[in-house]
Every structure is written in structure tokens, then in C-alpha cells.
Amino acid sequence: MKLKKNIATSEEGFVFNPGTGDSFSTNPIGTEILALLKEDKSMSTIIETVCAKYDVDKNQFEKDLDDFKSQLVDSNILE
């Protein structure tokens, strides 16, 4: 999973796709995931990092991450 190079993100969770003109906002965990994707981190690294930083259940987070990934694909944010 890799973020497209032209996708703009902010530390506050704002995401802008200049290719489509679409924008949206994410919560703090979504912002963390996007930052890790920009660093080309693997899914397993993202899972371990987020679960260590936030008080989330690993199994639940994996499901939520799959849903978030689907939203990113639908929004044309991932390569």
C-alpha cells in the first residue's frame, strides 16, 4: 500500500488529491497512518506502530485499517 506522490496531507489530518480536486479530513489515527504510508512503511509496521502508540485492540485495528485502506482506494489516494 503506497500513497500517491501528488497527495497533499497536513499534520491536522487534511488530505487533498490535486488530480481529482477531492479533499477530506481524518482523525488522529488516520493522520498517523497517512504519515507512515508517506514513509513507505509496511502494513505490519503500521499495525505495530499504531497499536503501540494508541490504546487499540490489534485485531480490531487490523479490520479498521482494511476499511480505511478501502476508503483510500475509493478516493484514489493509493497507487
PDB file of N, CA and C in Angstrom:
ATOM      1  N   MET A   1       0.863  -1.162   0.000  1.00  0.00           N
ATOM      2  CA  MET A   1       0.000   0.000   0.000  1.00  0.00           C
ATOM      3  C   MET A   1       0.909   1.224   0.000  1.00  0.00           C
ATOM      4  N   LYS A   2       0.707   2.088  -0.990  1.00  0.00           N
ATOM      5  CA  LYS A   2       1.564   3.258  -1.119  1.00  0.00           C
ATOM      6  C   LYS A   2       0.734   4.472  -1.495  1.00  0.00           C
ATOM      7  N   LEU A   3       0.986   5.586  -0.816  1.00  0.00           N
ATOM      8  CA  LEU A   3       0.309   6.841  -1.099  1.00  0.00           C
ATOM      9  C   LEU A   3       0.814   7.396  -2.429  1.00  0.00           C
ATOM     10  N   LYS A   4      -0.092   7.924  -3.246  1.00  0.00           N
ATOM     11  CA  LYS A   4       0.330   8.558  -4.490  1.00  0.00           C
ATOM     12  C   LYS A   4       1.214   9.755  -4.162  1.00  0.00           C
ATOM     13  N   LYS A   5       2.171  10.032  -5.026  1.00  0.00           N
ATOM     14  CA  LYS A   5       3.142  11.091  -4.763  1.00  0.00           C
ATOM     15  C   LYS A   5       2.525  12.483  -4.724  1.00  0.00           C
ATOM     16  N   ASN A   6       1.464  12.725  -5.472  1.00  0.00           N
ATOM     17  CA  ASN A   6       0.892  14.071  -5.555  1.00  0.00           C
ATOM     18  C   ASN A   6      -0.130  14.375  -4.463  1.00  0.00           C
ATOM     19  N   ILE A   7      -0.371  13.442  -3.556  1.00  0.00           N
ATOM     20  CA  ILE A   7      -1.355  13.637  -2.493  1.00  0.00           C
ATOM     21  C   ILE A   7      -0.770  14.544  -1.410  1.00  0.00           C
ATOM     22  N   ALA A   8      -1.504  15.595  -1.093  1.00  0.00           N
ATOM     23  CA  ALA A   8      -1.075  16.531  -0.053  1.00  0.00           C
ATOM     24  C   ALA A   8      -1.773  16.186   1.255  1.00  0.00           C
ATOM     25  N   THR A   9      -1.006  16.145   2.331  1.00  0.00           N
ATOM     26  CA  THR A   9      -1.569  15.887   3.659  1.00  0.00           C
ATOM     27  C   THR A   9      -1.015  16.913   4.641  1.00  0.00           C
ATOM     28  N   SER A  10      -1.769  17.146   5.692  1.00  0.00           N
ATOM     29  CA  SER A  10      -1.299  18.046   6.741  1.00  0.00           C
ATOM     30  C   SER A  10      -1.238  17.296   8.062  1.00  0.00           C
ATOM     31  N   GLU A  11      -0.543  17.876   9.030  1.00  0.00           N
ATOM     32  CA  GLU A  11      -0.445  17.266  10.354  1.00  0.00           C
ATOM     33  C   GLU A  11      -1.782  17.271  11.083  1.00  0.00           C
ATOM     34  N   GLU A  12      -2.720  18.101  10.626  1.00  0.00           N
ATOM     35  CA  GLU A  12      -4.049  18.178  11.234  1.00  0.00           C
ATOM     36  C   GLU A  12      -5.012  17.155  10.633  1.00  0.00           C
ATOM     37  N   GLY A  13      -4.567  16.393   9.618  1.00  0.00           N
ATOM     38  CA  GLY A  13      -5.404  15.354   9.038  1.00  0.00           C
ATOM     39  C   GLY A  13      -6.123  15.738   7.768  1.00  0.00           C
ATOM     40  N   PHE A  14      -5.790  16.879   7.183  1.00  0.00           N
ATOM     41  CA  PHE A  14      -6.412  17.289   5.924  1.00  0.00           C
ATOM     42  C   PHE A  14      -5.701  16.584   4.781  1.00  0.00           C
ATOM     43  N   VAL A  15      -6.482  16.029   3.848  1.00  0.00           N
ATOM     44  CA  VAL A  15      -5.937  15.309   2.700  1.00  0.00           C
ATOM     45  C   VAL A  15      -6.508  15.921   1.433  1.00  0.00           C
ATOM     46  N   PHE A  16      -5.643  16.198   0.452  1.00  0.00           N
ATOM     47  CA  PHE A  16      -6.079  16.795  -0.809  1.00  0.00           C
ATOM     48  C   PHE A  16      -5.484  16.018  -1.966  1.00  0.00           C
ATOM     49  N   ASN A  17      -6.352  15.649  -2.906  1.00  0.00           N
ATOM     50  CA  ASN A  17      -5.926  14.970  -4.122  1.00  0.00           C
ATOM     51  C   ASN A  17      -6.032  15.972  -5.270  1.00  0.00           C
ATOM     52  N   PRO A  18      -4.915  16.555  -5.724  1.00  0.00           N
ATOM     53  CA  PRO A  18      -4.981  17.549  -6.785  1.00  0.00           C
ATOM     54  C   PRO A  18      -5.428  16.971  -8.124  1.00  0.00           C
ATOM     55  N   GLY A  19      -5.277  15.671  -8.295  1.00  0.00           N
ATOM     56  CA  GLY A  19      -5.708  15.028  -9.539  1.00  0.00           C
ATOM     57  C   GLY A  19      -7.219  15.035  -9.720  1.00  0.00           C
ATOM     58  N   THR A  20      -7.938  14.942  -8.593  1.00  0.00           N
ATOM     59  CA  THR A  20      -9.399  14.896  -8.665  1.00  0.00           C
ATOM     60  C   THR A  20     -10.047  16.140  -8.071  1.00  0.00           C
ATOM     61  N   GLY A  21      -9.277  16.890  -7.283  1.00  0.00           N
ATOM     62  CA  GLY A  21      -9.829  18.053  -6.583  1.00  0.00           C
ATOM     63  C   GLY A  21     -10.544  17.684  -5.300  1.00  0.00           C
ATOM     64  N   ASP A  22     -10.544  16.403  -4.947  1.00  0.00           N
ATOM     65  CA  ASP A  22     -11.229  15.937  -3.740  1.00  0.00           C
ATOM     66  C   ASP A  22     -10.373  16.193  -2.502  1.00  0.00           C
ATOM     67  N   SER A  23     -11.051  16.455  -1.397  1.00  0.00           N
ATOM     68  CA  SER A  23     -10.358  16.617  -0.122  1.00  0.00           C
ATOM     69  C   SER A  23     -11.222  16.022   0.984  1.00  0.00           C
ATOM     70  N   PHE A  24     -10.562  15.638   2.063  1.00  0.00           N
ATOM     71  CA  PHE A  24     -11.270  15.140   3.235  1.00  0.00           C
ATOM     72  C   PHE A  24     -10.358  15.250   4.436  1.00  0.00           C
ATOM     73  N   SER A  25     -10.906  14.995   5.603  1.00  0.00           N
ATOM     74  CA  SER A  25     -10.145  15.045   6.851  1.00  0.00           C
ATOM     75  C   SER A  25     -10.170  13.683   7.521  1.00  0.00           C
ATOM     76  N   THR A  26      -9.119  13.400   8.272  1.00  0.00           N
ATOM     77  CA  THR A  26      -9.034  12.147   9.014  1.00  0.00           C
ATOM     78  C   THR A  26      -8.884  12.448  10.506  1.00  0.00           C
ATOM     79  N   ASN A  27      -9.105  11.421  11.303  1.00  0.00           N
ATOM     80  CA  ASN A  27      -8.886  11.535  12.742  1.00  0.00           C
ATOM     81  C   ASN A  27      -7.383  11.355  13.022  1.00  0.00           C
ATOM     82  N   PRO A  28      -6.946  11.507  14.280  1.00  0.00           N
ATOM     83  CA  PRO A  28      -5.511  11.388  14.576  1.00  0.00           C
ATOM     84  C   PRO A  28      -4.883  10.061  14.147  1.00  0.00           C
ATOM     85  N   ILE A  29      -5.603   8.968  14.284  1.00  0.00           N
ATOM     86  CA  ILE A  29      -5.036   7.680  13.869  1.00  0.00           C
ATOM     87  C   ILE A  29      -4.925   7.625  12.344  1.00  0.00           C
ATOM     88  N   GLY A  30      -5.918   8.141  11.642  1.00  0.00           N
ATOM     89  CA  GLY A  30      -5.850   8.208  10.183  1.00  0.00           C
ATOM     90  C   GLY A  30      -4.678   9.059   9.728  1.00  0.00           C
ATOM     91  N   THR A  31      -4.439  10.155  10.432  1.00  0.00           N
ATOM     92  CA  THR A  31      -3.305  11.033  10.124  1.00  0.00           C
ATOM     93  C   THR A  31      -1.988  10.290  10.329  1.00  0.00           C
ATOM     94  N   GLU A  32      -1.914   9.527  11.399  1.00  0.00           N
ATOM     95  CA  GLU A  32      -0.717   8.721  11.679  1.00  0.00           C
ATOM     96  C   GLU A  32      -0.490   7.687  10.577  1.00  0.00           C
ATOM     97  N   ILE A  33      -1.552   7.026  10.147  1.00  0.00           N
ATOM     98  CA  ILE A  33      -1.452   6.026   9.083  1.00  0.00           C
ATOM     99  C   ILE A  33      -0.951   6.674   7.798  1.00  0.00           C
ATOM    100  N   LEU A  34      -1.508   7.825   7.431  1.00  0.00           N
ATOM    101  CA  LEU A  34      -1.073   8.520   6.222  1.00  0.00           C
ATOM    102  C   LEU A  34       0.401   8.916   6.301  1.00  0.00           C
ATOM    103  N   ALA A  35       0.842   9.371   7.475  1.00  0.00           N
ATOM    104  CA  ALA A  35       2.251   9.740   7.647  1.00  0.00           C
ATOM    105  C   ALA A  35       3.152   8.517   7.465  1.00  0.00           C
ATOM    106  N   LEU A  36       2.731   7.385   8.002  1.00  0.00           N
ATOM    107  CA  LEU A  36       3.510   6.156   7.858  1.00  0.00           C
ATOM    108  C   LEU A  36       3.513   5.682   6.407  1.00  0.00           C
ATOM    109  N   LEU A  37       2.393   5.846   5.703  1.00  0.00           N
ATOM    110  CA  LEU A  37       2.347   5.491   4.287  1.00  0.00           C
ATOM    111  C   LEU A  37       3.288   6.370   3.467  1.00  0.00           C
ATOM    112  N   LYS A  38       3.362   7.650   3.815  1.00  0.00           N
ATOM    113  CA  LYS A  38       4.279   8.553   3.115  1.00  0.00           C
ATOM    114  C   LYS A  38       5.733   8.119   3.306  1.00  0.00           C
ATOM    115  N   GLU A  39       6.006   7.451   4.421  1.00  0.00           N
ATOM    116  CA  GLU A  39       7.352   6.946   4.700  1.00  0.00           C
ATOM    117  C   GLU A  39       7.554   5.539   4.122  1.00  0.00           C
ATOM    118  N   ASP A  40       6.580   5.055   3.340  1.00  0.00           N
ATOM    119  CA  ASP A  40       6.630   3.730   2.706  1.00  0.00           C
ATOM    120  C   ASP A  40       6.752   2.588   3.710  1.00  0.00           C
ATOM    121  N   LYS A  41       6.098   2.738   4.865  1.00  0.00           N
ATOM    122  CA  LYS A  41       6.112   1.683   5.873  1.00  0.00           C
ATOM    123  C   LYS A  41       5.183   0.543   5.455  1.00  0.00           C
ATOM    124  N   SER A  42       5.525  -0.667   5.855  1.00  0.00           N
ATOM    125  CA  SER A  42       4.713  -1.844   5.545  1.00  0.00           C
ATOM    126  C   SER A  42       3.461  -1.863   6.410  1.00  0.00           C
ATOM    127  N   MET A  43       2.499  -2.679   5.993  1.00  0.00           N
ATOM    128  CA  MET A  43       1.262  -2.819   6.760  1.00  0.00           C
ATOM    129  C   MET A  43       1.575  -3.329   8.168  1.00  0.00           C
ATOM    130  N   SER A  44       2.467  -4.292   8.279  1.00  0.00           N
ATOM    131  CA  SER A  44       2.780  -4.830   9.607  1.00  0.00           C
ATOM    132  C   SER A  44       3.439  -3.764  10.481  1.00  0.00           C
ATOM    133  N   THR A  45       4.286  -2.922   9.903  1.00  0.00           N
ATOM    134  CA  THR A  45       4.898  -1.830  10.662  1.00  0.00           C
ATOM    135  C   THR A  45       3.845  -0.820  11.104  1.00  0.00           C
ATOM    136  N   ILE A  46       2.904  -0.509  10.211  1.00  0.00           N
ATOM    137  CA  ILE A  46       1.825   0.419  10.547  1.00  0.00           C
ATOM    138  C   ILE A  46       1.001  -0.136  11.707  1.00  0.00           C
ATOM    139  N   ILE A  47       0.658  -1.402  11.632  1.00  0.00           N
ATOM    140  CA  ILE A  47      -0.134  -2.037  12.695  1.00  0.00           C
ATOM    141  C   ILE A  47       0.612  -1.983  14.024  1.00  0.00           C
ATOM    142  N   GLU A  48       1.872  -2.375  14.026  1.00  0.00           N
ATOM    143  CA  GLU A  48       2.660  -2.379  15.262  1.00  0.00           C
ATOM    144  C   GLU A  48       2.840  -0.966  15.825  1.00  0.00           C
ATOM    145  N   THR A  49       3.113  -0.013  14.950  1.00  0.00           N
ATOM    146  CA  THR A  49       3.335   1.367  15.392  1.00  0.00           C
ATOM    147  C   THR A  49       2.084   1.959  16.019  1.00  0.00           C
ATOM    148  N   VAL A  50       0.952   1.811  15.330  1.00  0.00           N
ATOM    149  CA  VAL A  50      -0.296   2.401  15.825  1.00  0.00           C
ATOM    150  C   VAL A  50      -0.760   1.703  17.099  1.00  0.00           C
ATOM    151  N   CYS A  51      -0.661   0.396  17.139  1.00  0.00           N
ATOM    152  CA  CYS A  51      -1.092  -0.329  18.341  1.00  0.00           C
ATOM    153  C   CYS A  51      -0.215  -0.001  19.545  1.00  0.00           C
ATOM    154  N   ALA A  52       1.064   0.281  19.319  1.00  0.00           N
ATOM    155  CA  ALA A  52       1.952   0.644  20.419  1.00  0.00           C
ATOM    156  C   ALA A  52       1.692   2.076  20.901  1.00  0.00           C
ATOM    157  N   LYS A  53       1.333   2.952  19.983  1.00  0.00           N
ATOM    158  CA  LYS A  53       1.147   4.359  20.330  1.00  0.00           C
ATOM    159  C   LYS A  53      -0.231   4.650  20.914  1.00  0.00           C
ATOM    160  N   TYR A  54      -1.253   3.971  20.404  1.00  0.00           N
ATOM    161  CA  TYR A  54      -2.629   4.209  20.838  1.00  0.00           C
ATOM    162  C   TYR A  54      -3.159   2.984  21.557  1.00  0.00           C
ATOM    163  N   ASP A  55      -4.131   3.168  22.396  1.00  0.00           N
ATOM    164  CA  ASP A  55      -4.746   2.079  23.141  1.00  0.00           C
ATOM    165  C   ASP A  55      -5.839   1.441  22.289  1.00  0.00           C
ATOM    166  N   VAL A  56      -5.405   0.619  21.315  1.00  0.00           N
ATOM    167  CA  VAL A  56      -6.355  -0.039  20.416  1.00  0.00           C
ATOM    168  C   VAL A  56      -6.088  -1.539  20.400  1.00  0.00           C
ATOM    169  N   ASP A  57      -7.145  -2.312  20.222  1.00  0.00           N
ATOM    170  CA  ASP A  57      -7.038  -3.759  20.096  1.00  0.00           C
ATOM    171  C   ASP A  57      -6.478  -4.085  18.705  1.00  0.00           C
ATOM    172  N   LYS A  58      -5.458  -4.927  18.654  1.00  0.00           N
ATOM    173  CA  LYS A  58      -4.784  -5.230  17.383  1.00  0.00           C
ATOM    174  C   LYS A  58      -5.738  -5.825  16.354  1.00  0.00           C
ATOM    175  N   ASN A  59      -6.562  -6.793  16.762  1.00  0.00           N
ATOM    176  CA  ASN A  59      -7.492  -7.414  15.810  1.00  0.00           C
ATOM    177  C   ASN A  59      -8.500  -6.405  15.274  1.00  0.00           C
ATOM    178  N   GLN A  60      -9.018  -5.567  16.144  1.00  0.00           N
ATOM    179  CA  GLN A  60      -9.967  -4.550  15.714  1.00  0.00           C
ATOM    180  C   GLN A  60      -9.282  -3.534  14.806  1.00  0.00           C
ATOM    181  N   PHE A  61      -8.058  -3.148  15.164  1.00  0.00           N
ATOM    182  CA  PHE A  61      -7.344  -2.175  14.341  1.00  0.00           C
ATOM    183  C   PHE A  61      -7.072  -2.725  12.946  1.00  0.00           C
ATOM    184  N   GLU A  62      -6.728  -4.001  12.842  1.00  0.00           N
ATOM    185  CA  GLU A  62      -6.489  -4.596  11.520  1.00  0.00           C
ATOM    186  C   GLU A  62      -7.740  -4.498  10.646  1.00  0.00           C
ATOM    187  N   LYS A  63      -8.907  -4.743  11.240  1.00  0.00           N
ATOM    188  CA  LYS A  63     -10.168  -4.614  10.493  1.00  0.00           C
ATOM    189  C   LYS A  63     -10.413  -3.159  10.099  1.00  0.00           C
ATOM    190  N   ASP A  64     -10.188  -2.254  11.045  1.00  0.00           N
ATOM    191  CA  ASP A  64     -10.377  -0.828  10.763  1.00  0.00           C
ATOM    192  C   ASP A  64      -9.397  -0.343   9.696  1.00  0.00           C
ATOM    193  N   LEU A  65      -8.181  -0.852   9.737  1.00  0.00           N
ATOM    194  CA  LEU A  65      -7.178  -0.478   8.739  1.00  0.00           C
ATOM    195  C   LEU A  65      -7.598  -0.953   7.350  1.00  0.00           C
ATOM    196  N   ASP A  66      -8.155  -2.147   7.267  1.00  0.00           N
ATOM    197  CA  ASP A  66      -8.667  -2.641   5.977  1.00  0.00           C
ATOM    198  C   ASP A  66      -9.774  -1.733   5.448  1.00  0.00           C
ATOM    199  N   ASP A  67     -10.673  -1.297   6.333  1.00  0.00           N
ATOM    200  CA  ASP A  67     -11.744  -0.373   5.927  1.00  0.00           C
ATOM    201  C   ASP A  67     -11.168   0.959   5.467  1.00  0.00           C
ATOM    202  N   PHE A  68     -10.187   1.478   6.205  1.00  0.00           N
ATOM    203  CA  PHE A  68      -9.552   2.751   5.850  1.00  0.00           C
ATOM    204  C   PHE A  68      -8.845   2.628   4.501  1.00  0.00           C
ATOM    205  N   LYS A  69      -8.170   1.500   4.304  1.00  0.00           N
ATOM    206  CA  LYS A  69      -7.490   1.245   3.027  1.00  0.00           C
ATOM    207  C   LYS A  69      -8.499   1.264   1.882  1.00  0.00           C
ATOM    208  N   SER A  70      -9.646   0.646   2.064  1.00  0.00           N
ATOM    209  CA  SER A  70     -10.694   0.638   1.040  1.00  0.00           C
ATOM    210  C   SER A  70     -11.170   2.052   0.730  1.00  0.00           C
ATOM    211  N   GLN A  71     -11.312   2.884   1.767  1.00  0.00           N
ATOM    212  CA  GLN A  71     -11.719   4.274   1.566  1.00  0.00           C
ATOM    213  C   GLN A  71     -10.654   5.045   0.787  1.00  0.00           C
ATOM    214  N   LEU A  72      -9.388   4.777   1.075  1.00  0.00           N
ATOM    215  CA  LEU A  72      -8.297   5.437   0.358  1.00  0.00           C
ATOM    216  C   LEU A  72      -8.263   5.014  -1.109  1.00  0.00           C
ATOM    217  N   VAL A  73      -8.526   3.747  -1.366  1.00  0.00           N
ATOM    218  CA  VAL A  73      -8.576   3.246  -2.748  1.00  0.00           C
ATOM    219  C   VAL A  73      -9.749   3.908  -3.469  1.00  0.00           C
ATOM    220  N   ASP A  74     -10.917   3.949  -2.839  1.00  0.00           N
ATOM    221  CA  ASP A  74     -12.095   4.570  -3.450  1.00  0.00           C
ATOM    222  C   ASP A  74     -11.878   6.053  -3.721  1.00  0.00           C
ATOM    223  N   SER A  75     -11.055   6.706  -2.891  1.00  0.00           N
ATOM    224  CA  SER A  75     -10.781   8.134  -3.040  1.00  0.00           C
ATOM    225  C   SER A  75      -9.594   8.406  -3.970  1.00  0.00           C
ATOM    226  N   ASN A  76      -9.052   7.339  -4.562  1.00  0.00           N
ATOM    227  CA  ASN A  76      -7.935   7.465  -5.500  1.00  0.00           C
ATOM    228  C   ASN A  76      -6.693   8.074  -4.833  1.00  0.00           C
ATOM    229  N   ILE A  77      -6.443   7.674  -3.584  1.00  0.00           N
ATOM    230  CA  ILE A  77      -5.329   8.195  -2.806  1.00  0.00           C
ATOM    231  C   ILE A  77      -4.122   7.254  -2.876  1.00  0.00           C
ATOM    232  N   LEU A  78      -4.366   5.969  -3.109  1.00  0.00           N
ATOM    233  CA  LEU A  78      -3.289   4.973  -3.153  1.00  0.00           C
ATOM    234  C   LEU A  78      -2.912   4.613  -4.581  1.00  0.00           C
ATOM    235  N   GLU A  79      -1.645   4.227  -4.746  1.00  0.00           N
ATOM    236  CA  GLU A  79      -1.189   3.745  -6.060  1.00  0.00           C
ATOM    237  C   GLU A  79      -1.679   2.351  -6.290  1.00  0.00           C
TER     238      GLU A  79
END
